[in-house]
Amino acid sequence: MNHMLFSIINLIFQFLYICLIARVVLSWVPHNAYNPIVQIVYKITDPMLRPIQQIIPPLRIGFDISPIIAIVALGFIKKIIVWAMF
């Protein structure tokens, strides 16, 4: 049971990491904002990135470090959840 629960938690966090990386890649290339997959990526990542962007706005050179902070924060949250459950 514990192994299955750990696998589910790991899968969820891997999905979130992939969405954040996809969001970064989308910021580098022209894309159709109305594409359903793009909209899903934005709906998943916006709640993670907006609070960070309110505290640390994108740099003037056009570089946004909020995805990096979100990935690090997700790593800490995952470790806390795994530690608390197991």
N, C-alpha and C. Protein backbone atom coordinates (compact mmCIF):
# COMPACT_ATOMS: atom_id res chain seq x y z
N MET A 1 0.82 -1.21 0.00
CA MET A 1 0.00 0.00 0.00
C MET A 1 0.86 1.26 0.00
N ASN A 2 1.89 1.27 0.87
CA ASN A 2 2.75 2.45 0.95
C ASN A 2 3.47 2.70 -0.36
N HIS A 3 3.92 1.63 -0.99
CA HIS A 3 4.62 1.78 -2.27
C HIS A 3 3.68 2.37 -3.33
N MET A 4 2.43 1.92 -3.34
CA MET A 4 1.47 2.42 -4.31
C MET A 4 1.17 3.90 -4.06
N LEU A 5 1.01 4.27 -2.80
CA LEU A 5 0.76 5.67 -2.46
C LEU A 5 1.95 6.53 -2.84
N PHE A 6 3.17 6.06 -2.57
CA PHE A 6 4.36 6.80 -2.96
C PHE A 6 4.41 6.97 -4.48
N SER A 7 4.06 5.93 -5.22
CA SER A 7 4.06 6.00 -6.68
C SER A 7 3.06 7.03 -7.19
N ILE A 8 1.91 7.11 -6.57
CA ILE A 8 0.89 8.10 -6.96
C ILE A 8 1.38 9.51 -6.68
N ILE A 9 1.94 9.71 -5.50
CA ILE A 9 2.48 11.03 -5.14
C ILE A 9 3.59 11.41 -6.11
N ASN A 10 4.47 10.49 -6.40
CA ASN A 10 5.57 10.75 -7.32
C ASN A 10 5.04 11.10 -8.71
N LEU A 11 4.04 10.39 -9.17
CA LEU A 11 3.44 10.64 -10.48
C LEU A 11 2.83 12.04 -10.55
N ILE A 12 2.13 12.43 -9.51
CA ILE A 12 1.51 13.77 -9.47
C ILE A 12 2.58 14.85 -9.56
N PHE A 13 3.65 14.70 -8.78
CA PHE A 13 4.70 15.71 -8.80
C PHE A 13 5.45 15.71 -10.12
N GLN A 14 5.67 14.55 -10.72
CA GLN A 14 6.31 14.50 -12.03
C GLN A 14 5.45 15.22 -13.07
N PHE A 15 4.15 15.05 -12.99
CA PHE A 15 3.23 15.73 -13.90
C PHE A 15 3.34 17.25 -13.72
N LEU A 16 3.41 17.71 -12.48
CA LEU A 16 3.53 19.14 -12.22
C LEU A 16 4.86 19.69 -12.74
N TYR A 17 5.94 18.93 -12.55
CA TYR A 17 7.24 19.35 -13.08
C TYR A 17 7.19 19.47 -14.60
N ILE A 18 6.59 18.50 -15.25
CA ILE A 18 6.49 18.51 -16.72
C ILE A 18 5.68 19.71 -17.19
N CYS A 19 4.60 20.02 -16.48
CA CYS A 19 3.78 21.18 -16.85
C CYS A 19 4.57 22.47 -16.70
N LEU A 20 5.36 22.58 -15.64
CA LEU A 20 6.18 23.79 -15.46
C LEU A 20 7.24 23.91 -16.55
N ILE A 21 7.85 22.81 -16.91
CA ILE A 21 8.85 22.84 -17.98
C ILE A 21 8.18 23.19 -19.31
N ALA A 22 7.00 22.63 -19.56
CA ALA A 22 6.25 22.97 -20.77
C ALA A 22 5.93 24.46 -20.80
N ARG A 23 5.58 25.01 -19.65
CA ARG A 23 5.27 26.44 -19.57
C ARG A 23 6.48 27.28 -19.93
N VAL A 24 7.65 26.88 -19.46
CA VAL A 24 8.88 27.59 -19.79
C VAL A 24 9.14 27.52 -21.30
N VAL A 25 9.03 26.33 -21.85
CA VAL A 25 9.27 26.15 -23.29
C VAL A 25 8.27 26.99 -24.09
N LEU A 26 7.03 27.02 -23.66
CA LEU A 26 6.02 27.83 -24.36
C LEU A 26 6.37 29.31 -24.34
N SER A 27 7.04 29.76 -23.29
CA SER A 27 7.41 31.18 -23.23
C SER A 27 8.53 31.50 -24.21
N TRP A 28 9.24 30.50 -24.69
CA TRP A 28 10.34 30.72 -25.63
C TRP A 28 9.92 30.65 -27.09
N VAL A 29 8.80 29.99 -27.38
CA VAL A 29 8.39 29.78 -28.77
C VAL A 29 7.01 30.39 -29.01
N PRO A 30 6.76 30.82 -30.24
CA PRO A 30 5.41 31.28 -30.56
C PRO A 30 4.44 30.10 -30.45
N HIS A 31 3.27 30.36 -29.88
CA HIS A 31 2.30 29.29 -29.73
C HIS A 31 0.89 29.86 -29.78
N ASN A 32 -0.06 28.99 -30.02
CA ASN A 32 -1.46 29.37 -30.07
C ASN A 32 -2.02 29.28 -28.65
N ALA A 33 -2.32 30.41 -28.06
CA ALA A 33 -2.82 30.45 -26.68
C ALA A 33 -4.20 29.79 -26.56
N TYR A 34 -4.88 29.59 -27.67
CA TYR A 34 -6.20 28.98 -27.63
C TYR A 34 -6.17 27.46 -27.82
N ASN A 35 -4.98 26.90 -28.01
CA ASN A 35 -4.84 25.46 -28.12
C ASN A 35 -5.25 24.84 -26.78
N PRO A 36 -6.10 23.82 -26.79
CA PRO A 36 -6.56 23.23 -25.53
C PRO A 36 -5.43 22.71 -24.63
N ILE A 37 -4.40 22.15 -25.21
CA ILE A 37 -3.29 21.65 -24.39
C ILE A 37 -2.55 22.82 -23.74
N VAL A 38 -2.34 23.89 -24.49
CA VAL A 38 -1.68 25.08 -23.95
C VAL A 38 -2.53 25.66 -22.82
N GLN A 39 -3.82 25.71 -23.00
CA GLN A 39 -4.70 26.24 -21.95
C GLN A 39 -4.64 25.38 -20.70
N ILE A 40 -4.56 24.06 -20.85
CA ILE A 40 -4.45 23.18 -19.69
C ILE A 40 -3.14 23.43 -18.95
N VAL A 41 -2.05 23.58 -19.70
CA VAL A 41 -0.75 23.86 -19.07
C VAL A 41 -0.83 25.16 -18.27
N TYR A 42 -1.43 26.19 -18.84
CA TYR A 42 -1.56 27.46 -18.13
C TYR A 42 -2.47 27.35 -16.91
N LYS A 43 -3.57 26.60 -17.02
CA LYS A 43 -4.47 26.43 -15.88
C LYS A 43 -3.82 25.68 -14.73
N ILE A 44 -2.94 24.75 -15.06
CA ILE A 44 -2.26 23.99 -14.02
C ILE A 44 -1.13 24.80 -13.39
N THR A 45 -0.40 25.54 -14.21
CA THR A 45 0.78 26.24 -13.69
C THR A 45 0.50 27.63 -13.13
N ASP A 46 -0.55 28.29 -13.59
CA ASP A 46 -0.85 29.64 -13.08
C ASP A 46 -0.99 29.69 -11.56
N PRO A 47 -1.72 28.77 -10.93
CA PRO A 47 -1.85 28.86 -9.46
C PRO A 47 -0.51 28.70 -8.73
N MET A 48 0.45 28.04 -9.35
CA MET A 48 1.77 27.90 -8.73
C MET A 48 2.64 29.13 -8.98
N LEU A 49 2.52 29.71 -10.17
CA LEU A 49 3.42 30.79 -10.56
C LEU A 49 2.95 32.18 -10.14
N ARG A 50 1.67 32.43 -10.15
CA ARG A 50 1.15 33.78 -9.84
C ARG A 50 1.61 34.31 -8.47
N PRO A 51 1.48 33.52 -7.40
CA PRO A 51 1.93 34.05 -6.10
C PRO A 51 3.42 34.39 -6.08
N ILE A 52 4.22 33.58 -6.76
CA ILE A 52 5.65 33.85 -6.83
C ILE A 52 5.91 35.11 -7.64
N GLN A 53 5.20 35.27 -8.75
CA GLN A 53 5.37 36.44 -9.61
C GLN A 53 4.93 37.73 -8.92
N GLN A 54 3.99 37.62 -7.99
CA GLN A 54 3.58 38.81 -7.24
C GLN A 54 4.67 39.26 -6.27
N ILE A 55 5.44 38.30 -5.77
CA ILE A 55 6.52 38.63 -4.84
C ILE A 55 7.78 39.02 -5.62
N ILE A 56 8.10 38.23 -6.65
CA ILE A 56 9.29 38.47 -7.46
C ILE A 56 8.84 38.61 -8.92
N PRO A 57 8.63 39.83 -9.37
CA PRO A 57 8.19 40.01 -10.77
C PRO A 57 9.29 39.61 -11.74
N PRO A 58 8.92 39.31 -12.99
CA PRO A 58 9.94 38.98 -14.00
C PRO A 58 10.99 40.08 -14.09
N LEU A 59 12.23 39.66 -14.32
CA LEU A 59 13.32 40.62 -14.43
C LEU A 59 13.15 41.50 -15.66
N ARG A 60 13.73 42.67 -15.63
CA ARG A 60 13.56 43.62 -16.74
C ARG A 60 14.11 43.11 -18.05
N ILE A 61 15.03 42.17 -18.00
CA ILE A 61 15.59 41.63 -19.25
C ILE A 61 14.68 40.57 -19.86
N GLY A 62 13.50 40.37 -19.25
CA GLY A 62 12.52 39.43 -19.78
C GLY A 62 12.68 38.02 -19.26
N PHE A 63 13.42 37.85 -18.18
CA PHE A 63 13.66 36.53 -17.62
C PHE A 63 12.81 36.35 -16.37
N ASP A 64 12.01 35.30 -16.35
CA ASP A 64 11.11 35.02 -15.23
C ASP A 64 11.67 33.83 -14.44
N ILE A 65 12.03 34.07 -13.19
CA ILE A 65 12.60 32.98 -12.38
C ILE A 65 11.54 32.23 -11.58
N SER A 66 10.27 32.62 -11.72
CA SER A 66 9.21 31.97 -10.94
C SER A 66 9.11 30.46 -11.21
N PRO A 67 9.30 29.97 -12.44
CA PRO A 67 9.25 28.51 -12.63
C PRO A 67 10.36 27.78 -11.88
N ILE A 68 11.54 28.39 -11.81
CA ILE A 68 12.65 27.78 -11.07
C ILE A 68 12.30 27.69 -9.59
N ILE A 69 11.76 28.77 -9.06
CA ILE A 69 11.36 28.79 -7.64
C ILE A 69 10.25 27.78 -7.40
N ALA A 70 9.30 27.69 -8.33
CA ALA A 70 8.19 26.74 -8.18
C ALA A 70 8.69 25.30 -8.20
N ILE A 71 9.66 24.99 -9.06
CA ILE A 71 10.20 23.62 -9.11
C ILE A 71 10.90 23.28 -7.81
N VAL A 72 11.69 24.22 -7.28
CA VAL A 72 12.38 23.99 -6.01
C VAL A 72 11.35 23.83 -4.88
N ALA A 73 10.33 24.69 -4.86
CA ALA A 73 9.29 24.61 -3.83
C ALA A 73 8.54 23.28 -3.91
N LEU A 74 8.23 22.83 -5.13
CA LEU A 74 7.56 21.54 -5.29
C LEU A 74 8.42 20.41 -4.74
N GLY A 75 9.72 20.50 -4.96
CA GLY A 75 10.62 19.49 -4.42
C GLY A 75 10.56 19.42 -2.90
N PHE A 76 10.56 20.60 -2.25
CA PHE A 76 10.44 20.64 -0.79
C PHE A 76 9.09 20.11 -0.32
N ILE A 77 8.02 20.50 -1.00
CA ILE A 77 6.69 20.05 -0.62
C ILE A 77 6.58 18.53 -0.77
N LYS A 78 7.14 18.00 -1.85
CA LYS A 78 7.12 16.55 -2.06
C LYS A 78 7.87 15.83 -0.94
N LYS A 79 9.04 16.34 -0.57
CA LYS A 79 9.81 15.72 0.50
C LYS A 79 9.06 15.76 1.82
N ILE A 80 8.39 16.87 2.10
CA ILE A 80 7.62 16.99 3.35
C ILE A 80 6.47 15.99 3.35
N ILE A 81 5.76 15.89 2.23
CA ILE A 81 4.63 14.95 2.15
C ILE A 81 5.12 13.52 2.32
N VAL A 82 6.17 13.15 1.62
CA VAL A 82 6.70 11.79 1.71
C VAL A 82 7.19 11.52 3.12
N TRP A 83 7.89 12.47 3.71
CA TRP A 83 8.39 12.30 5.08
C TRP A 83 7.23 12.13 6.07
N ALA A 84 6.18 12.93 5.91
CA ALA A 84 5.05 12.87 6.83
C ALA A 84 4.24 11.58 6.69
N MET A 85 4.18 11.05 5.49
CA MET A 85 3.36 9.87 5.24
C MET A 85 4.09 8.56 5.52
N PHE A 86 5.40 8.60 5.39
CA PHE A 86 6.15 7.35 5.52
C PHE A 86 7.12 7.51 6.64
